[in-house]
Amino acid sequence: MLSVELGPDNELLKRANIKICRDTRGPEVNQNMETESEGIFACGDILYVHNMVDKITEEGYSAGENAAEYVKSNIDKQ
């Protein structure tokens, strides 16, 4: 999930039963940018409003890398 607005639109999060952080109103993620829902990663303003594009870029890169690793590790399971 990625948001590029000023704040998270968490309607999709609610419908997907993804845990929402009370402070930021975005999804809770672990160190890999993955939500409690397996295989769902989040970055950008969906997490919290960022003031610097550098942080969003780092988060996007990290979430993308971790999502790719998740997919690769689950391909053999199917």
C-alpha atoms as a PDB file:
ATOM      1  CA  MET A   1       0.000   0.000   0.000  1.00  0.00           C
ATOM      2  CA  LEU A   2       1.272   3.442  -0.843  1.00  0.00           C
ATOM      3  CA  SER A   3      -0.210   6.869  -0.231  1.00  0.00           C
ATOM      4  CA  VAL A   4       1.071  10.117  -1.706  1.00  0.00           C
ATOM      5  CA  GLU A   5      -1.419  12.495  -0.154  1.00  0.00           C
ATOM      6  CA  LEU A   6      -1.202  14.489   3.064  1.00  0.00           C
ATOM      7  CA  GLY A   7      -2.596  11.756   5.257  1.00  0.00           C
ATOM      8  CA  PRO A   8      -3.619   8.146   5.203  1.00  0.00           C
ATOM      9  CA  ASP A   9      -6.958   7.197   3.725  1.00  0.00           C
ATOM     10  CA  ASN A  10      -7.462   4.192   5.931  1.00  0.00           C
ATOM     11  CA  GLU A  11     -10.788   2.981   4.537  1.00  0.00           C
ATOM     12  CA  LEU A  12      -8.984   0.280   2.548  1.00  0.00           C
ATOM     13  CA  LEU A  13      -7.019  -0.664   5.665  1.00  0.00           C
ATOM     14  CA  LYS A  14     -10.233  -1.083   7.628  1.00  0.00           C
ATOM     15  CA  ARG A  15     -11.824  -3.231   4.921  1.00  0.00           C
ATOM     16  CA  ALA A  16      -8.695  -5.410   4.828  1.00  0.00           C
ATOM     17  CA  ASN A  17      -8.723  -5.741   8.643  1.00  0.00           C
ATOM     18  CA  ILE A  18      -5.230  -4.261   8.906  1.00  0.00           C
ATOM     19  CA  LYS A  19      -4.319  -2.943  12.348  1.00  0.00           C
ATOM     20  CA  ILE A  20      -4.265   0.874  12.384  1.00  0.00           C
ATOM     21  CA  CYS A  21      -1.857   2.867  14.554  1.00  0.00           C
ATOM     22  CA  ARG A  22      -3.779   5.137  16.896  1.00  0.00           C
ATOM     23  CA  ASP A  23      -1.144   7.908  16.733  1.00  0.00           C
ATOM     24  CA  THR A  24      -0.555   8.084  12.968  1.00  0.00           C
ATOM     25  CA  ARG A  25      -3.877   6.674  11.681  1.00  0.00           C
ATOM     26  CA  GLY A  26      -1.824   4.550   9.279  1.00  0.00           C
ATOM     27  CA  PRO A  27      -1.135   0.829   9.313  1.00  0.00           C
ATOM     28  CA  GLU A  28       1.187  -0.693  11.881  1.00  0.00           C
ATOM     29  CA  VAL A  29       4.221  -2.261  10.199  1.00  0.00           C
ATOM     30  CA  ASN A  30       7.239  -4.254  11.341  1.00  0.00           C
ATOM     31  CA  GLN A  31      10.896  -3.534  10.535  1.00  0.00           C
ATOM     32  CA  ASN A  32      10.331  -4.988   7.039  1.00  0.00           C
ATOM     33  CA  MET A  33       7.471  -2.553   6.351  1.00  0.00           C
ATOM     34  CA  GLU A  34       5.009  -5.491   6.466  1.00  0.00           C
ATOM     35  CA  THR A  35       1.648  -5.197   8.200  1.00  0.00           C
ATOM     36  CA  GLU A  36       0.230  -7.908  10.446  1.00  0.00           C
ATOM     37  CA  SER A  37      -1.543  -9.194   7.330  1.00  0.00           C
ATOM     38  CA  GLU A  38       0.989 -11.495   5.709  1.00  0.00           C
ATOM     39  CA  GLY A  39       2.264 -10.219   2.363  1.00  0.00           C
ATOM     40  CA  ILE A  40       0.821  -6.700   2.762  1.00  0.00           C
ATOM     41  CA  PHE A  41       3.542  -4.034   2.872  1.00  0.00           C
ATOM     42  CA  ALA A  42       3.088  -0.292   3.381  1.00  0.00           C
ATOM     43  CA  CYS A  43       5.193   2.837   2.919  1.00  0.00           C
ATOM     44  CA  GLY A  44       4.906   6.549   2.294  1.00  0.00           C
ATOM     45  CA  ASP A  45       2.230   8.842   3.643  1.00  0.00           C
ATOM     46  CA  ILE A  46      -0.054   5.874   4.334  1.00  0.00           C
ATOM     47  CA  LEU A  47       2.168   5.307   7.410  1.00  0.00           C
ATOM     48  CA  TYR A  48       2.385   8.941   8.519  1.00  0.00           C
ATOM     49  CA  VAL A  49       2.807  12.345   6.894  1.00  0.00           C
ATOM     50  CA  HIS A  50       6.434  12.802   5.861  1.00  0.00           C
ATOM     51  CA  ASN A  51       8.156  16.162   5.604  1.00  0.00           C
ATOM     52  CA  MET A  52      11.075  14.933   3.531  1.00  0.00           C
ATOM     53  CA  VAL A  53      10.948  13.024   0.261  1.00  0.00           C
ATOM     54  CA  ASP A  54      14.190  11.246   1.214  1.00  0.00           C
ATOM     55  CA  LYS A  55      12.471   9.301   3.997  1.00  0.00           C
ATOM     56  CA  ILE A  56       9.629   8.257   1.697  1.00  0.00           C
ATOM     57  CA  THR A  57      12.157   7.116  -0.906  1.00  0.00           C
ATOM     58  CA  GLU A  58      14.003   5.010   1.684  1.00  0.00           C
ATOM     59  CA  GLU A  59      10.751   3.479   2.928  1.00  0.00           C
ATOM     60  CA  GLY A  60       9.587   2.733  -0.609  1.00  0.00           C
ATOM     61  CA  TYR A  61      12.868   1.050  -1.455  1.00  0.00           C
ATOM     62  CA  SER A  62      12.788  -1.006   1.744  1.00  0.00           C
ATOM     63  CA  ALA A  63       9.146  -2.021   1.306  1.00  0.00           C
ATOM     64  CA  GLY A  64       9.780  -2.972  -2.325  1.00  0.00           C
ATOM     65  CA  GLU A  65      12.838  -5.050  -1.459  1.00  0.00           C
ATOM     66  CA  ASN A  66      11.030  -6.843   1.344  1.00  0.00           C
ATOM     67  CA  ALA A  67       7.914  -7.453  -0.755  1.00  0.00           C
ATOM     68  CA  ALA A  68      10.083  -8.949  -3.516  1.00  0.00           C
ATOM     69  CA  GLU A  69      11.816 -11.232  -0.998  1.00  0.00           C
ATOM     70  CA  TYR A  70       8.419 -12.274   0.348  1.00  0.00           C
ATOM     71  CA  VAL A  71       7.192 -13.177  -3.135  1.00  0.00           C
ATOM     72  CA  LYS A  72      10.392 -15.059  -3.991  1.00  0.00           C
ATOM     73  CA  SER A  73      10.258 -17.054  -0.764  1.00  0.00           C
ATOM     74  CA  ASN A  74       6.618 -17.997  -1.349  1.00  0.00           C
ATOM     75  CA  ILE A  75       6.820 -18.959  -5.039  1.00  0.00           C
ATOM     76  CA  ASP A  76       8.139 -22.420  -4.208  1.00  0.00           C
ATOM     77  CA  LYS A  77       5.347 -23.022  -1.692  1.00  0.00           C
ATOM     78  CA  GLN A  78       2.658 -22.991  -4.380  1.00  0.00           C
END
